[in-house]
N, C-alpha and C. Protein backbone atom coordinates (compact mmCIF):
# COMPACT_ATOMS: atom_id res chain seq x y z
N UNK A 1 -77.25 154.48 -95.02
CA UNK A 1 -77.80 153.53 -94.08
C UNK A 1 -76.77 153.17 -93.11
N UNK A 2 -77.03 152.82 -92.00
CA UNK A 2 -76.04 152.44 -90.78
C UNK A 2 -76.10 151.05 -90.77
N UNK A 3 -75.07 150.41 -90.95
CA UNK A 3 -75.37 148.73 -90.95
C UNK A 3 -74.45 148.32 -89.70
N UNK A 4 -74.04 149.43 -88.79
CA UNK A 4 -73.15 149.04 -87.51
C UNK A 4 -74.15 148.08 -86.67
N UNK A 5 -73.51 147.44 -85.61
CA UNK A 5 -74.15 146.85 -84.70
C UNK A 5 -74.88 147.84 -83.80
N UNK A 6 -75.92 147.44 -83.37
CA UNK A 6 -76.72 148.43 -82.49
C UNK A 6 -75.94 148.54 -81.09
N UNK A 7 -76.30 149.56 -80.35
CA UNK A 7 -75.50 149.90 -79.13
C UNK A 7 -75.65 148.69 -78.30
N UNK A 8 -76.94 148.14 -78.08
CA UNK A 8 -77.16 147.20 -77.14
C UNK A 8 -76.15 145.99 -77.35
N UNK A 9 -76.30 145.62 -78.74
CA UNK A 9 -75.55 144.16 -79.00
C UNK A 9 -73.95 144.55 -79.14
N UNK A 10 -73.51 145.86 -79.18
CA UNK A 10 -72.27 146.17 -79.12
C UNK A 10 -71.87 145.84 -77.57
N UNK A 11 -72.60 146.49 -76.60
CA UNK A 11 -72.49 146.28 -75.09
C UNK A 11 -72.66 144.87 -74.76
N UNK A 12 -73.38 144.17 -75.41
CA UNK A 12 -73.60 142.70 -74.98
C UNK A 12 -72.42 142.01 -75.52
N UNK A 13 -71.98 142.24 -76.64
CA UNK A 13 -70.66 141.59 -77.12
C UNK A 13 -69.36 141.88 -76.23
N UNK A 14 -69.43 142.93 -75.99
CA UNK A 14 -68.25 143.40 -74.85
C UNK A 14 -68.54 142.33 -73.63
N UNK A 15 -69.73 142.15 -73.07
CA UNK A 15 -69.85 141.38 -71.89
C UNK A 15 -69.83 139.98 -72.18
N UNK A 16 -69.98 139.58 -73.25
CA UNK A 16 -69.58 138.22 -73.89
C UNK A 16 -68.07 137.90 -73.80
N UNK A 17 -67.33 139.03 -74.20
CA UNK A 17 -65.89 138.59 -74.16
C UNK A 17 -65.47 138.83 -72.74
N UNK A 18 -65.97 139.40 -71.86
CA UNK A 18 -65.58 139.51 -70.52
C UNK A 18 -65.89 138.15 -69.71
N UNK A 19 -66.88 137.43 -70.24
CA UNK A 19 -67.29 136.25 -69.64
C UNK A 19 -66.20 135.01 -69.81
N UNK A 20 -65.38 135.36 -70.84
CA UNK A 20 -64.11 134.47 -71.11
C UNK A 20 -63.27 134.38 -69.97
N UNK A 21 -63.43 135.38 -68.84
CA UNK A 21 -62.40 135.30 -67.81
C UNK A 21 -63.04 134.46 -66.71
N UNK A 22 -64.31 134.07 -66.87
CA UNK A 22 -65.08 133.21 -65.85
C UNK A 22 -64.14 132.02 -65.38
N UNK A 23 -64.28 131.63 -64.20
CA UNK A 23 -63.70 130.48 -63.58
C UNK A 23 -64.76 129.56 -63.22
N UNK A 24 -65.89 129.69 -63.36
CA UNK A 24 -67.08 128.66 -63.00
C UNK A 24 -67.19 127.71 -64.04
N UNK A 25 -67.23 126.38 -63.40
CA UNK A 25 -67.51 125.16 -64.21
C UNK A 25 -68.85 124.89 -64.51
N UNK A 26 -69.79 125.59 -64.22
CA UNK A 26 -71.27 125.40 -64.56
C UNK A 26 -71.64 126.45 -65.63
N UNK A 27 -71.48 127.72 -65.27
CA UNK A 27 -72.11 128.83 -66.08
C UNK A 27 -70.92 129.81 -66.04
N UNK A 28 -70.80 130.54 -67.15
CA UNK A 28 -70.15 131.73 -67.30
C UNK A 28 -70.85 132.84 -67.54
N UNK A 29 -70.59 133.89 -66.86
CA UNK A 29 -71.35 135.20 -66.97
C UNK A 29 -70.45 136.33 -66.83
N UNK A 30 -70.68 137.33 -67.79
CA UNK A 30 -69.97 138.63 -68.24
C UNK A 30 -70.89 139.67 -67.95
N UNK A 31 -70.52 140.79 -67.20
CA UNK A 31 -71.60 142.02 -66.91
C UNK A 31 -70.71 143.08 -67.29
N UNK A 32 -71.15 144.20 -67.87
CA UNK A 32 -70.50 145.52 -67.81
C UNK A 32 -71.70 146.50 -67.45
N UNK A 33 -71.09 147.51 -66.97
CA UNK A 33 -72.23 148.92 -66.46
C UNK A 33 -71.79 149.95 -67.44
N UNK A 34 -72.60 150.30 -68.00
CA UNK A 34 -72.47 151.43 -68.89
C UNK A 34 -73.40 152.65 -68.42
N UNK A 35 -72.93 153.97 -68.43
CA UNK A 35 -73.59 155.24 -68.34
C UNK A 35 -73.09 156.25 -69.26
N UNK A 36 -74.09 156.93 -69.96
CA UNK A 36 -73.64 158.03 -71.03
C UNK A 36 -72.80 157.59 -71.89
N UNK A 37 -72.94 156.20 -72.44
CA UNK A 37 -72.21 155.45 -73.58
C UNK A 37 -70.74 155.49 -73.04
N UNK A 38 -70.48 155.21 -71.76
CA UNK A 38 -69.04 155.11 -71.11
C UNK A 38 -69.16 153.85 -70.17
N UNK A 39 -68.30 152.88 -70.61
CA UNK A 39 -68.09 151.83 -69.60
C UNK A 39 -67.81 152.01 -68.41
N UNK A 40 -68.37 151.80 -67.31
CA UNK A 40 -67.97 152.22 -65.90
C UNK A 40 -67.19 151.10 -65.30
N UNK A 41 -67.58 149.84 -65.49
CA UNK A 41 -66.84 148.73 -65.05
C UNK A 41 -67.22 147.47 -65.68
N UNK A 42 -66.58 146.27 -65.42
CA UNK A 42 -66.72 144.96 -65.91
C UNK A 42 -66.70 143.96 -64.73
N UNK A 43 -67.28 142.72 -64.89
CA UNK A 43 -67.30 141.95 -64.17
C UNK A 43 -67.75 140.49 -64.68
N UNK A 44 -67.05 139.32 -63.99
CA UNK A 44 -67.27 137.96 -64.46
C UNK A 44 -67.31 137.19 -63.20
N UNK A 45 -68.02 135.98 -63.39
CA UNK A 45 -68.05 135.17 -62.14
C UNK A 45 -66.85 134.23 -61.85
N UNK A 46 -66.25 134.36 -60.63
CA UNK A 46 -65.32 133.55 -60.16
C UNK A 46 -64.95 133.83 -58.69
N UNK A 47 -64.07 133.00 -58.09
CA UNK A 47 -63.85 133.15 -56.54
C UNK A 47 -63.44 134.65 -56.18
N UNK A 48 -63.40 134.83 -55.10
CA UNK A 48 -62.82 136.10 -54.54
C UNK A 48 -61.43 136.09 -54.85
N UNK A 49 -60.73 137.38 -54.98
CA UNK A 49 -59.57 137.74 -54.93
C UNK A 49 -58.80 136.86 -53.93
N UNK A 50 -57.76 136.07 -54.42
CA UNK A 50 -56.81 135.38 -53.63
C UNK A 50 -57.24 134.00 -53.21
N UNK A 51 -58.58 133.67 -53.51
CA UNK A 51 -58.84 132.17 -53.24
C UNK A 51 -58.73 131.53 -54.47
N UNK A 52 -58.82 130.13 -54.45
CA UNK A 52 -58.39 129.27 -55.55
C UNK A 52 -59.98 129.08 -56.23
N UNK A 53 -59.93 129.03 -57.55
CA UNK A 53 -61.33 128.94 -58.40
C UNK A 53 -61.57 127.68 -58.55
N UNK A 54 -62.99 127.20 -58.70
CA UNK A 54 -63.31 125.95 -59.04
C UNK A 54 -62.48 125.27 -60.17
N UNK A 55 -62.20 126.10 -61.23
CA UNK A 55 -61.36 125.60 -62.26
C UNK A 55 -59.89 125.18 -61.96
N UNK A 56 -59.51 125.84 -60.94
CA UNK A 56 -58.24 125.47 -60.26
C UNK A 56 -58.29 124.23 -59.39
N UNK A 57 -59.31 124.19 -58.71
CA UNK A 57 -59.62 122.83 -57.85
C UNK A 57 -60.07 121.65 -58.56
N UNK A 58 -60.53 121.89 -59.85
CA UNK A 58 -60.88 120.68 -60.68
C UNK A 58 -62.39 120.23 -60.14
N UNK A 59 -63.10 121.11 -59.48
CA UNK A 59 -64.68 120.57 -59.21
C UNK A 59 -65.37 121.70 -58.86
N UNK A 60 -66.57 121.42 -58.58
CA UNK A 60 -67.77 122.26 -58.15
C UNK A 60 -68.50 121.65 -57.24
N UNK A 61 -68.59 122.24 -56.04
CA UNK A 61 -69.47 121.58 -54.85
C UNK A 61 -70.77 121.42 -55.23
N UNK A 62 -71.34 122.38 -55.65
CA UNK A 62 -72.95 122.46 -56.11
C UNK A 62 -73.06 121.29 -57.18
N UNK A 63 -72.24 121.11 -58.24
CA UNK A 63 -72.25 120.19 -59.31
C UNK A 63 -72.16 118.91 -58.61
N UNK A 64 -71.12 118.54 -57.77
CA UNK A 64 -71.11 117.29 -56.91
C UNK A 64 -72.20 117.05 -56.27
N UNK A 65 -72.91 117.91 -55.71
CA UNK A 65 -74.05 117.65 -54.64
C UNK A 65 -75.49 117.62 -55.66
N UNK A 66 -75.19 117.98 -57.00
CA UNK A 66 -76.42 117.88 -57.84
C UNK A 66 -77.50 118.94 -57.60
N UNK A 67 -77.08 120.23 -57.16
CA UNK A 67 -77.81 121.25 -56.65
C UNK A 67 -78.22 121.98 -57.97
N UNK A 68 -79.64 122.10 -58.22
CA UNK A 68 -80.00 122.70 -59.45
C UNK A 68 -79.63 124.12 -59.50
N UNK A 69 -79.75 124.68 -60.68
CA UNK A 69 -79.34 126.00 -60.94
C UNK A 69 -80.17 126.98 -60.15
N UNK A 70 -79.58 128.13 -59.87
CA UNK A 70 -80.47 129.07 -58.89
C UNK A 70 -80.61 128.72 -57.38
N UNK A 71 -80.01 127.69 -56.95
CA UNK A 71 -80.39 127.10 -55.66
C UNK A 71 -79.03 127.24 -54.82
N UNK A 72 -78.99 127.10 -53.64
CA UNK A 72 -78.00 126.93 -52.62
C UNK A 72 -76.76 127.76 -53.02
N UNK A 73 -76.79 128.98 -53.27
CA UNK A 73 -75.50 129.81 -53.80
C UNK A 73 -74.64 129.92 -52.56
N UNK A 74 -74.98 129.59 -51.26
CA UNK A 74 -73.91 129.60 -50.11
C UNK A 74 -72.70 128.49 -50.37
N UNK A 75 -72.99 127.55 -51.32
CA UNK A 75 -72.11 126.62 -51.57
C UNK A 75 -71.20 126.91 -52.65
N UNK A 76 -71.53 127.82 -53.26
CA UNK A 76 -70.83 128.32 -54.28
C UNK A 76 -69.41 129.38 -54.08
N UNK A 77 -68.53 128.95 -54.63
CA UNK A 77 -67.12 129.88 -54.41
C UNK A 77 -67.22 131.10 -55.10
N UNK A 78 -68.08 131.23 -56.23
CA UNK A 78 -67.77 132.36 -57.04
C UNK A 78 -68.59 133.71 -56.55
N UNK A 79 -68.12 134.70 -56.87
CA UNK A 79 -69.02 135.95 -56.86
C UNK A 79 -69.52 136.26 -58.18
N UNK A 80 -70.68 136.78 -58.25
CA UNK A 80 -71.34 136.67 -59.50
C UNK A 80 -70.98 137.98 -60.36
N UNK A 81 -71.05 137.84 -61.70
CA UNK A 81 -70.46 138.90 -62.56
C UNK A 81 -71.09 140.39 -62.18
N UNK A 82 -72.43 140.28 -61.97
CA UNK A 82 -73.13 141.70 -61.74
C UNK A 82 -72.72 142.19 -60.45
N UNK A 83 -72.24 141.25 -59.28
CA UNK A 83 -71.67 141.83 -58.06
C UNK A 83 -70.33 142.33 -58.39
N UNK A 84 -69.41 141.55 -59.09
CA UNK A 84 -68.12 141.92 -59.36
C UNK A 84 -67.98 143.42 -59.98
N UNK A 85 -68.85 143.50 -61.08
CA UNK A 85 -69.02 144.73 -61.69
C UNK A 85 -69.57 145.85 -60.62
N UNK A 86 -70.26 145.71 -59.96
CA UNK A 86 -70.81 146.87 -59.02
C UNK A 86 -69.73 147.10 -58.03
N UNK A 87 -69.09 146.11 -57.62
CA UNK A 87 -67.98 146.20 -56.49
C UNK A 87 -66.78 146.99 -57.21
N UNK A 88 -66.62 147.17 -58.52
CA UNK A 88 -65.56 147.98 -59.24
C UNK A 88 -65.99 149.15 -59.50
N UNK A 89 -67.16 149.65 -59.19
CA UNK A 89 -67.68 151.01 -59.61
C UNK A 89 -67.96 151.60 -58.44
N UNK A 90 -68.01 152.96 -58.63
CA UNK A 90 -68.68 153.91 -57.43
C UNK A 90 -69.99 154.18 -57.60
N UNK A 91 -70.78 154.13 -56.63
CA UNK A 91 -72.38 154.30 -56.81
C UNK A 91 -72.79 155.59 -57.68
N UNK A 92 -71.94 156.73 -57.53
CA UNK A 92 -72.47 157.74 -58.11
C UNK A 92 -72.15 157.59 -59.72
N UNK A 93 -71.51 156.85 -60.00
CA UNK A 93 -71.27 156.75 -61.30
C UNK A 93 -72.48 155.49 -62.00
N UNK A 94 -72.92 154.81 -61.07
CA UNK A 94 -73.85 153.94 -61.43
C UNK A 94 -75.38 154.24 -61.72
N UNK A 95 -75.56 155.29 -60.87
CA UNK A 95 -76.94 155.87 -60.82
C UNK A 95 -77.69 156.32 -62.29
N UNK A 96 -78.59 155.60 -62.68
CA UNK A 96 -79.05 155.71 -64.16
C UNK A 96 -78.33 154.90 -65.05
N UNK A 97 -77.60 154.15 -64.57
CA UNK A 97 -76.77 153.41 -65.70
C UNK A 97 -77.63 152.01 -66.16
N UNK A 98 -77.01 151.37 -67.22
CA UNK A 98 -77.36 150.07 -67.53
C UNK A 98 -76.56 149.00 -67.28
N UNK A 99 -76.97 147.82 -66.96
CA UNK A 99 -76.16 146.82 -66.77
C UNK A 99 -76.34 145.70 -67.87
N UNK A 100 -75.35 145.37 -68.75
CA UNK A 100 -75.37 144.38 -69.72
C UNK A 100 -75.00 143.07 -69.31
N UNK A 101 -75.86 142.14 -69.58
CA UNK A 101 -75.38 140.63 -68.98
C UNK A 101 -75.52 139.58 -69.99
N UNK A 102 -74.47 138.73 -70.07
CA UNK A 102 -74.52 137.59 -71.00
C UNK A 102 -74.27 136.25 -70.09
N UNK A 103 -74.64 135.22 -70.39
CA UNK A 103 -74.35 134.00 -69.93
C UNK A 103 -74.27 132.92 -70.83
N UNK A 104 -73.31 131.95 -70.46
CA UNK A 104 -73.20 130.82 -71.33
C UNK A 104 -72.88 129.65 -70.63
N UNK A 105 -73.13 128.57 -71.05
CA UNK A 105 -72.91 127.20 -70.55
C UNK A 105 -71.34 126.98 -70.64
N UNK A 106 -70.73 126.87 -69.36
CA UNK A 106 -69.53 126.39 -69.40
C UNK A 106 -69.04 124.96 -70.01
N UNK A 107 -69.96 124.08 -70.08
CA UNK A 107 -69.75 122.95 -70.91
C UNK A 107 -69.83 123.11 -72.43
N UNK A 108 -70.79 123.82 -72.94
CA UNK A 108 -70.92 123.78 -74.19
C UNK A 108 -70.65 125.24 -74.93
N UNK A 109 -70.55 126.16 -74.05
CA UNK A 109 -70.43 127.53 -74.52
C UNK A 109 -71.66 128.07 -75.27
N UNK A 110 -72.73 127.37 -75.21
CA UNK A 110 -74.08 128.04 -75.78
C UNK A 110 -74.56 129.09 -74.83
N UNK A 111 -75.08 130.18 -75.54
CA UNK A 111 -75.79 131.08 -74.63
C UNK A 111 -76.93 130.63 -73.91
N UNK A 112 -77.13 131.18 -72.70
CA UNK A 112 -78.26 130.73 -71.88
C UNK A 112 -79.49 131.84 -72.19
N UNK A 113 -80.24 131.40 -72.98
CA UNK A 113 -81.36 132.10 -73.50
C UNK A 113 -82.34 132.73 -72.25
N UNK A 114 -82.17 131.88 -71.21
CA UNK A 114 -82.81 132.29 -69.60
C UNK A 114 -82.49 132.78 -68.84
N UNK A 115 -80.93 133.45 -68.98
CA UNK A 115 -80.15 134.10 -68.00
C UNK A 115 -80.92 135.12 -67.35
N UNK A 116 -80.70 135.09 -66.09
CA UNK A 116 -81.26 136.11 -65.35
C UNK A 116 -80.56 136.46 -63.77
N UNK A 117 -80.71 137.63 -63.31
CA UNK A 117 -80.03 137.99 -62.23
C UNK A 117 -80.49 137.17 -60.82
N UNK A 118 -79.80 136.66 -60.19
CA UNK A 118 -80.28 135.80 -58.82
C UNK A 118 -81.02 137.16 -58.19
N UNK A 119 -81.60 136.69 -57.09
CA UNK A 119 -82.19 137.67 -55.99
C UNK A 119 -81.42 138.47 -55.25
N UNK A 120 -80.12 138.00 -54.97
CA UNK A 120 -79.05 138.82 -54.21
C UNK A 120 -78.50 140.00 -55.37
N UNK A 121 -78.36 139.40 -56.49
CA UNK A 121 -77.82 140.41 -57.36
C UNK A 121 -78.74 141.46 -57.81
N UNK A 122 -80.04 140.95 -57.98
CA UNK A 122 -81.25 141.95 -57.97
C UNK A 122 -81.23 143.32 -56.89
N UNK A 123 -80.83 142.86 -55.68
CA UNK A 123 -80.91 143.55 -54.56
C UNK A 123 -79.78 144.47 -54.48
N UNK A 124 -78.68 144.16 -55.14
CA UNK A 124 -77.43 145.01 -55.24
C UNK A 124 -77.64 145.81 -56.45
N UNK A 125 -78.27 145.24 -57.56
CA UNK A 125 -78.29 146.20 -58.75
C UNK A 125 -79.32 147.35 -58.19
N UNK A 126 -80.44 147.09 -57.50
CA UNK A 126 -81.31 148.22 -57.16
C UNK A 126 -80.47 149.23 -56.08
N UNK A 127 -79.87 148.74 -55.24
CA UNK A 127 -79.11 149.53 -54.34
C UNK A 127 -77.92 150.46 -55.12
N UNK A 128 -77.51 150.00 -56.18
CA UNK A 128 -76.36 150.60 -57.01
C UNK A 128 -76.87 151.65 -57.69
N UNK A 129 -78.28 151.77 -57.62
CA UNK A 129 -78.88 152.83 -58.48
C UNK A 129 -79.01 152.55 -60.12
N UNK A 130 -78.63 151.52 -60.59
CA UNK A 130 -78.90 151.03 -61.86
C UNK A 130 -80.27 151.08 -62.33
N UNK A 131 -80.30 151.60 -63.58
CA UNK A 131 -81.71 151.80 -64.03
C UNK A 131 -82.46 150.76 -64.91
N UNK A 132 -81.69 150.18 -65.70
CA UNK A 132 -82.14 148.98 -66.44
C UNK A 132 -80.96 147.75 -66.51
N UNK A 133 -81.23 146.75 -66.84
CA UNK A 133 -80.67 145.30 -67.10
C UNK A 133 -81.00 144.86 -68.55
N UNK A 134 -80.04 144.54 -69.41
CA UNK A 134 -80.16 144.24 -70.65
C UNK A 134 -79.64 142.91 -70.84
N UNK A 135 -80.27 141.81 -70.95
CA UNK A 135 -79.60 140.29 -70.98
C UNK A 135 -79.87 139.69 -72.45
N UNK A 136 -78.55 139.20 -72.79
CA UNK A 136 -78.50 138.75 -74.22
C UNK A 136 -79.56 137.28 -74.26
N UNK A 137 -80.32 137.17 -75.28
CA UNK A 137 -81.13 136.00 -75.45
C UNK A 137 -80.70 134.86 -76.50
N UNK A 138 -80.09 135.69 -77.54
CA UNK A 138 -79.31 135.00 -78.48
C UNK A 138 -78.36 135.91 -79.33
N UNK A 139 -77.70 135.62 -80.27
CA UNK A 139 -76.70 136.46 -80.83
C UNK A 139 -77.12 137.84 -81.23
N UNK A 140 -78.39 138.19 -81.42
CA UNK A 140 -78.88 139.28 -81.70
C UNK A 140 -80.22 139.94 -80.94
N UNK A 141 -80.77 138.92 -80.30
CA UNK A 141 -82.00 139.32 -79.40
C UNK A 141 -81.57 139.62 -78.02
N UNK A 142 -82.24 140.37 -77.54
CA UNK A 142 -81.94 140.60 -76.07
C UNK A 142 -83.27 141.11 -75.35
N UNK A 143 -83.31 141.04 -73.85
CA UNK A 143 -84.38 141.57 -73.21
C UNK A 143 -83.94 142.69 -72.32
N UNK A 144 -84.64 143.83 -72.22
CA UNK A 144 -84.45 144.93 -71.38
C UNK A 144 -85.31 144.76 -70.20
N UNK A 145 -84.85 144.76 -68.94
CA UNK A 145 -85.80 144.78 -67.60
C UNK A 145 -85.45 146.23 -67.02
N UNK A 146 -86.58 146.81 -66.84
CA UNK A 146 -86.47 148.21 -65.95
C UNK A 146 -86.08 147.79 -64.46
N UNK A 147 -85.33 148.13 -63.82
CA UNK A 147 -84.91 147.82 -62.32
C UNK A 147 -86.27 148.14 -61.50
N UNK A 148 -86.76 149.12 -61.95
CA UNK A 148 -87.88 149.67 -61.05
C UNK A 148 -88.90 148.57 -61.06
N UNK A 149 -89.01 147.69 -62.05
CA UNK A 149 -90.00 146.35 -61.82
C UNK A 149 -89.51 145.50 -60.63
N UNK A 150 -88.50 145.34 -60.38
CA UNK A 150 -88.16 144.52 -59.43
C UNK A 150 -88.18 145.28 -58.07
N UNK A 151 -88.46 146.47 -58.06
CA UNK A 151 -88.71 147.17 -56.83
C UNK A 151 -90.13 146.99 -56.73
N UNK A 152 -90.88 147.37 -57.56
CA UNK A 152 -92.57 147.33 -57.48
C UNK A 152 -93.25 145.92 -57.35
N UNK A 153 -92.43 144.98 -58.12
CA UNK A 153 -92.93 143.64 -58.01
C UNK A 153 -91.80 142.86 -57.13
N UNK A 154 -91.91 143.11 -55.82
CA UNK A 154 -90.73 142.83 -55.06
C UNK A 154 -91.23 141.02 -54.81
N UNK A 155 -90.23 140.28 -55.16
CA UNK A 155 -90.53 138.79 -55.26
C UNK A 155 -89.95 138.06 -53.96
N UNK A 156 -89.13 139.17 -53.25
CA UNK A 156 -88.57 138.59 -51.87
C UNK A 156 -89.68 138.65 -50.78
N UNK A 157 -90.71 138.94 -50.88
CA UNK A 157 -91.80 138.87 -49.83
C UNK A 157 -92.53 137.65 -50.19
N UNK A 158 -92.39 136.64 -49.31
CA UNK A 158 -93.10 135.27 -49.48
C UNK A 158 -94.26 135.08 -48.68
N UNK A 159 -94.34 135.92 -47.59
CA UNK A 159 -95.44 135.73 -46.84
C UNK A 159 -96.14 137.15 -46.36
N UNK A 160 -97.36 137.29 -46.29
CA UNK A 160 -97.85 138.62 -45.76
C UNK A 160 -97.45 138.89 -44.45
N UNK A 161 -97.05 139.98 -44.03
CA UNK A 161 -96.50 140.36 -42.64
C UNK A 161 -97.53 141.00 -42.02
């Protein structure tokens, strides 16, 4: 009998370790892209290379303005974990791959059971050719989202054209 951690939780554990590099003061995210059992790239949320991080500045503009989670990303200094992982990989290596994502509260380090990719990251994931996204819900549970669902159920169309 094989008592090893499942492949999904193995990769989620690695994404959970990656998020420890996050510099966001609100939410810490870690992402890894895997294809054919090989890690293609990793990413965490933080300011673009060369810019100072919120953790270095000692504050978050969105926090100071009481911006709810999921809104007004143009005020955020960070590049999201998913985007950083995509930036670090070649598209040819991401076609058919899986992106594993873990989110935690920066204040409490508790898992975010409702973690989800934002609309911008969804578009990047679609264009990268990634096939599915696996998101940690708790220490052992996760949900799997076929990226094709984001294509077929296009939530970016708010009005009928």
